[in-house]
């Protein structure tokens, strides 16, 4: 989930996303995407304004 937050911060800083609208961030490992979250973006200097609104999926153990 850390990577999801990082990519949203970077995208906001570079103007690639609008910070007024929620976005879906997807991240994973070399085996594929395994984490998806809905985030309200923020600029890096206002990091505490970023909100993780919903966890759509996260990695888990298969037994």
N, C-alpha and C. Protein backbone atom coordinates (compact mmCIF):
# COMPACT_ATOMS: atom_id res chain seq x y z
N UNK A 1 0.82 -1.18 0.00
CA UNK A 1 0.00 0.00 0.00
C UNK A 1 0.87 1.26 0.00
N UNK A 2 2.07 1.15 0.52
CA UNK A 2 3.00 2.27 0.54
C UNK A 2 3.26 2.78 -0.87
N UNK A 3 3.41 1.88 -1.81
CA UNK A 3 3.68 2.28 -3.19
C UNK A 3 2.48 3.00 -3.79
N UNK A 4 1.28 2.57 -3.47
CA UNK A 4 0.07 3.26 -3.95
C UNK A 4 0.08 4.72 -3.51
N UNK A 5 0.40 4.95 -2.24
CA UNK A 5 0.45 6.32 -1.73
C UNK A 5 1.55 7.10 -2.44
N UNK A 6 2.71 6.50 -2.62
CA UNK A 6 3.82 7.18 -3.27
C UNK A 6 3.50 7.57 -4.71
N UNK A 7 2.86 6.68 -5.46
CA UNK A 7 2.58 7.01 -6.86
C UNK A 7 1.52 8.10 -6.98
N UNK A 8 0.57 8.12 -6.05
CA UNK A 8 -0.44 9.18 -6.07
C UNK A 8 0.21 10.52 -5.73
N UNK A 9 1.09 10.54 -4.75
CA UNK A 9 1.80 11.78 -4.41
C UNK A 9 2.62 12.29 -5.59
N UNK A 10 3.33 11.39 -6.25
CA UNK A 10 4.16 11.78 -7.40
C UNK A 10 3.29 12.27 -8.56
N UNK A 11 2.19 11.59 -8.81
CA UNK A 11 1.30 12.00 -9.90
C UNK A 11 0.69 13.38 -9.62
N UNK A 12 0.32 13.64 -8.37
CA UNK A 12 -0.23 14.95 -8.01
C UNK A 12 0.83 16.04 -8.16
N UNK A 13 2.03 15.77 -7.70
CA UNK A 13 3.12 16.74 -7.81
C UNK A 13 3.42 17.12 -9.25
N UNK A 14 3.28 16.17 -10.16
CA UNK A 14 3.59 16.40 -11.56
C UNK A 14 2.38 16.84 -12.38
N UNK A 15 1.25 17.04 -11.74
CA UNK A 15 0.06 17.52 -12.43
C UNK A 15 -0.65 16.48 -13.27
N UNK A 16 -0.34 15.21 -13.07
CA UNK A 16 -0.94 14.15 -13.87
C UNK A 16 -2.35 13.81 -13.41
N UNK A 17 -2.68 14.15 -12.17
CA UNK A 17 -4.02 13.88 -11.65
C UNK A 17 -4.55 15.14 -10.95
N UNK A 18 -5.86 15.22 -10.87
CA UNK A 18 -6.53 16.33 -10.20
C UNK A 18 -6.68 15.98 -8.72
N UNK A 19 -6.23 16.84 -7.83
CA UNK A 19 -6.31 16.50 -6.40
C UNK A 19 -7.72 16.66 -5.84
N UNK A 20 -8.65 17.16 -6.64
CA UNK A 20 -10.02 17.32 -6.17
C UNK A 20 -10.88 16.08 -6.39
N UNK A 21 -10.35 15.08 -7.09
CA UNK A 21 -11.12 13.87 -7.39
C UNK A 21 -10.39 12.64 -6.88
N UNK A 22 -11.15 11.67 -6.40
CA UNK A 22 -10.56 10.41 -5.93
C UNK A 22 -9.99 9.64 -7.12
N UNK A 23 -8.94 8.87 -6.87
CA UNK A 23 -8.31 8.04 -7.90
C UNK A 23 -8.14 6.63 -7.38
N UNK A 24 -7.98 5.69 -8.30
CA UNK A 24 -7.63 4.32 -7.95
C UNK A 24 -6.15 4.14 -8.22
N UNK A 25 -5.41 3.71 -7.21
CA UNK A 25 -3.98 3.45 -7.36
C UNK A 25 -3.77 1.93 -7.28
N UNK A 26 -2.96 1.42 -8.20
CA UNK A 26 -2.70 -0.02 -8.27
C UNK A 26 -1.19 -0.25 -8.20
N UNK A 27 -0.77 -1.19 -7.38
CA UNK A 27 0.65 -1.51 -7.25
C UNK A 27 0.80 -3.02 -7.04
N UNK A 28 2.04 -3.48 -7.08
CA UNK A 28 2.27 -4.90 -6.87
C UNK A 28 3.75 -5.23 -6.88
N UNK A 29 4.03 -6.47 -7.21
CA UNK A 29 5.40 -6.97 -7.24
C UNK A 29 5.73 -7.39 -8.66
N UNK A 30 6.86 -8.04 -8.83
CA UNK A 30 7.22 -8.53 -10.16
C UNK A 30 6.30 -9.67 -10.61
N UNK A 31 5.49 -10.17 -9.70
CA UNK A 31 4.53 -11.22 -10.04
C UNK A 31 3.19 -10.67 -10.50
N UNK A 32 3.01 -9.35 -10.39
CA UNK A 32 1.78 -8.72 -10.86
C UNK A 32 1.16 -7.80 -9.82
N UNK A 33 0.13 -7.09 -10.25
CA UNK A 33 -0.57 -6.17 -9.35
C UNK A 33 -1.33 -6.96 -8.29
N UNK A 34 -1.19 -6.55 -7.04
CA UNK A 34 -1.90 -7.24 -5.96
C UNK A 34 -2.53 -6.29 -4.95
N UNK A 35 -2.37 -4.99 -5.16
CA UNK A 35 -2.92 -4.00 -4.24
C UNK A 35 -3.63 -2.91 -5.03
N UNK A 36 -4.84 -2.57 -4.62
CA UNK A 36 -5.58 -1.48 -5.25
C UNK A 36 -6.34 -0.72 -4.17
N UNK A 37 -6.22 0.61 -4.20
CA UNK A 37 -6.89 1.44 -3.21
C UNK A 37 -7.49 2.67 -3.88
N UNK A 38 -8.55 3.18 -3.28
CA UNK A 38 -9.13 4.45 -3.72
C UNK A 38 -8.57 5.51 -2.78
N UNK A 39 -7.97 6.56 -3.38
CA UNK A 39 -7.28 7.59 -2.61
C UNK A 39 -7.74 8.97 -3.03
N UNK A 40 -7.91 9.85 -2.05
CA UNK A 40 -8.10 11.27 -2.34
C UNK A 40 -6.69 11.87 -2.33
N UNK A 41 -6.21 12.32 -3.48
CA UNK A 41 -4.82 12.78 -3.59
C UNK A 41 -4.52 14.05 -2.81
N UNK A 42 -3.23 14.29 -2.64
CA UNK A 42 -2.73 15.53 -2.04
C UNK A 42 -1.33 15.77 -2.59
N UNK A 43 -0.89 17.01 -2.50
CA UNK A 43 0.49 17.33 -2.85
C UNK A 43 1.41 16.88 -1.72
N UNK A 44 2.67 16.64 -2.05
CA UNK A 44 3.62 16.12 -1.06
C UNK A 44 3.76 17.05 0.15
N UNK A 45 3.75 18.35 -0.07
CA UNK A 45 3.91 19.27 1.06
C UNK A 45 2.66 19.32 1.94
N UNK A 46 1.55 18.73 1.48
CA UNK A 46 0.32 18.62 2.28
C UNK A 46 -0.03 17.14 2.45
N UNK A 47 0.98 16.32 2.69
CA UNK A 47 0.85 14.87 2.76
C UNK A 47 -0.29 14.41 3.67
N UNK A 48 -0.49 15.09 4.77
CA UNK A 48 -1.53 14.66 5.73
C UNK A 48 -2.94 14.89 5.22
N UNK A 49 -3.09 15.60 4.12
CA UNK A 49 -4.41 15.77 3.50
C UNK A 49 -4.80 14.57 2.64
N UNK A 50 -3.84 13.73 2.30
CA UNK A 50 -4.11 12.53 1.52
C UNK A 50 -4.98 11.59 2.35
N UNK A 51 -6.00 11.01 1.72
CA UNK A 51 -6.90 10.10 2.44
C UNK A 51 -7.04 8.79 1.68
N UNK A 52 -6.78 7.69 2.35
CA UNK A 52 -7.07 6.38 1.78
C UNK A 52 -8.54 6.12 2.07
N UNK A 53 -9.35 6.15 1.03
CA UNK A 53 -10.80 6.05 1.21
C UNK A 53 -11.29 4.61 1.28
N UNK A 54 -10.66 3.74 0.49
CA UNK A 54 -11.13 2.35 0.45
C UNK A 54 -10.01 1.43 -0.03
N UNK A 55 -9.88 0.28 0.60
CA UNK A 55 -8.94 -0.74 0.15
C UNK A 55 -9.74 -1.72 -0.69
N UNK A 56 -9.41 -1.78 -1.98
CA UNK A 56 -10.14 -2.67 -2.88
C UNK A 56 -9.60 -4.09 -2.82
N UNK A 57 -8.29 -4.20 -2.80
CA UNK A 57 -7.66 -5.51 -2.69
C UNK A 57 -6.26 -5.34 -2.11
N UNK A 58 -5.82 -6.36 -1.40
CA UNK A 58 -4.47 -6.36 -0.86
C UNK A 58 -3.97 -7.79 -0.83
N UNK A 59 -2.66 -7.99 -0.82
CA UNK A 59 -2.13 -9.36 -0.86
C UNK A 59 -2.50 -10.14 0.40
N UNK A 60 -2.69 -11.40 0.22
CA UNK A 60 -3.01 -12.28 1.35
C UNK A 60 -2.39 -13.64 1.14
N UNK A 61 -2.41 -14.44 2.15
CA UNK A 61 -1.85 -15.79 2.06
C UNK A 61 -2.94 -16.77 1.63
N UNK A 62 -2.57 -17.64 0.73
CA UNK A 62 -3.47 -18.71 0.29
C UNK A 62 -3.04 -19.98 1.00
N UNK A 63 -3.95 -20.60 1.73
CA UNK A 63 -3.57 -21.81 2.47
C UNK A 63 -4.12 -23.04 1.82
